[in-house]
C-alpha cells in the first residue's frame, strides 16, 4: 500500500474514503467562507447604518437652511417693498 492510499483510506485501511475526505475539506472551506461573508455582511450593514444616520443629519441641516433662506427672502422682499413704497411716496 502506498502513502497516498493510507492517507485517503485504502483497501486495508479504516480511514475515510477520498470522497469523504473531499467532503470534509469542502465542508470546512464552506463554513469558513460563510463566516467570512457573514462578517463582511455585518460590516456593510454597520457602514450603511452610519451613512443613513449621516444622511438624516444632512437632511435636517438642509431643512434648517431652507427655512433660513425662506426667512431671509421674506425679509428682503419686505425691505424692498418698504423702500419701493417710500420711493413712490417721495415723488
Protein backbone atom coordinates (compact mmCIF):
# COMPACT_ATOMS: atom_id res chain seq x y z
CA UNK A 1 0.00 0.00 0.00
CA UNK A 2 1.30 3.49 -0.85
CA UNK A 3 1.42 6.53 1.40
CA UNK A 4 -1.39 8.12 -0.59
CA UNK A 5 -3.59 5.07 -0.22
CA UNK A 6 -3.03 5.04 3.52
CA UNK A 7 -3.84 8.75 3.83
CA UNK A 8 -7.12 8.52 1.98
CA UNK A 9 -8.07 5.05 3.07
CA UNK A 10 -7.16 2.04 1.01
CA UNK A 11 -8.43 -1.48 0.81
CA UNK A 12 -6.87 -2.40 4.15
CA UNK A 13 -7.41 0.94 5.89
CA UNK A 14 -10.25 2.11 8.09
CA UNK A 15 -9.66 5.80 7.17
CA UNK A 16 -12.01 7.99 5.19
CA UNK A 17 -12.52 7.36 1.50
CA UNK A 18 -11.38 10.04 -0.97
CA UNK A 19 -14.99 11.16 -1.34
CA UNK A 20 -15.40 11.53 2.42
CA UNK A 21 -12.08 13.34 2.69
CA UNK A 22 -13.05 15.81 -0.05
CA UNK A 23 -16.43 16.33 1.59
CA UNK A 24 -14.78 17.19 4.91
CA UNK A 25 -12.35 19.61 3.24
CA UNK A 26 -15.18 21.20 1.25
CA UNK A 27 -17.33 21.44 4.36
CA UNK A 28 -14.57 23.17 6.36
CA UNK A 29 -13.86 25.53 3.48
CA UNK A 30 -17.58 26.28 3.02
CA UNK A 31 -18.06 27.09 6.70
CA UNK A 32 -15.03 29.39 6.64
CA UNK A 33 -16.35 31.20 3.57
CA UNK A 34 -19.79 31.54 5.17
CA UNK A 35 -18.25 33.04 8.33
CA UNK A 36 -16.21 35.50 6.27
CA UNK A 37 -19.25 36.51 4.23
CA UNK A 38 -21.33 36.97 7.38
CA UNK A 39 -18.60 39.18 8.86
CA UNK A 40 -18.45 41.21 5.66
CA UNK A 41 -22.24 41.50 5.63
CA UNK A 42 -22.24 42.79 9.22
CA UNK A 43 -19.52 45.32 8.36
CA UNK A 44 -21.51 46.56 5.35
CA UNK A 45 -24.69 46.73 7.47
CA UNK A 46 -22.94 48.89 10.09
CA UNK A 47 -21.45 51.06 7.35
CA UNK A 48 -24.91 51.54 5.79
CA UNK A 49 -26.42 52.46 9.17
CA UNK A 50 -23.73 55.09 9.74
CA UNK A 51 -24.32 56.54 6.27
CA UNK A 52 -28.09 56.60 6.87
CA UNK A 53 -27.56 58.45 10.15
CA UNK A 54 -25.30 60.93 8.37
CA UNK A 55 -27.96 61.40 5.66
CA UNK A 56 -30.59 62.09 8.33
CA UNK A 57 -28.37 64.78 9.87
CA UNK A 58 -27.71 66.33 6.47
CA UNK A 59 -31.43 66.31 5.61
CA UNK A 60 -32.17 68.10 8.88
CA UNK A 61 -29.45 70.63 8.11
CA UNK A 62 -30.86 71.17 4.60
CA UNK A 63 -34.31 71.72 6.11
CA UNK A 64 -32.94 74.27 8.58
CA UNK A 65 -31.02 76.09 5.85
CA UNK A 66 -34.08 76.11 3.58
CA UNK A 67 -36.16 77.68 6.35
CA UNK A 68 -33.45 80.28 6.97
CA UNK A 69 -33.28 81.06 3.25
CA UNK A 70 -37.04 81.46 3.02
CA UNK A 71 -36.97 83.72 6.08
CA UNK A 72 -34.20 85.87 4.56
CA UNK A 73 -36.05 86.09 1.25
CA UNK A 74 -39.15 87.20 3.14
CA UNK A 75 -37.19 89.87 4.99
CA UNK A 76 -35.53 91.02 1.77
CA UNK A 77 -38.85 91.27 -0.05
CA UNK A 78 -40.36 93.18 2.86
CA UNK A 79 -37.40 95.59 2.89
CA UNK A 80 -37.65 96.07 -0.89
CA UNK A 81 -41.40 96.70 -0.59
CA UNK A 82 -40.79 99.31 2.12
CA UNK A 83 -38.09 101.01 0.06
CA UNK A 84 -40.24 100.91 -3.06
CA UNK A 85 -43.24 102.29 -1.20
CA UNK A 86 -41.12 105.05 0.36
CA UNK A 87 -39.65 105.89 -3.06
CA UNK A 88 -43.11 106.19 -4.58
CA UNK A 89 -44.40 108.39 -1.74
CA UNK A 90 -41.40 110.75 -2.03
CA UNK A 91 -42.12 111.51 -5.68
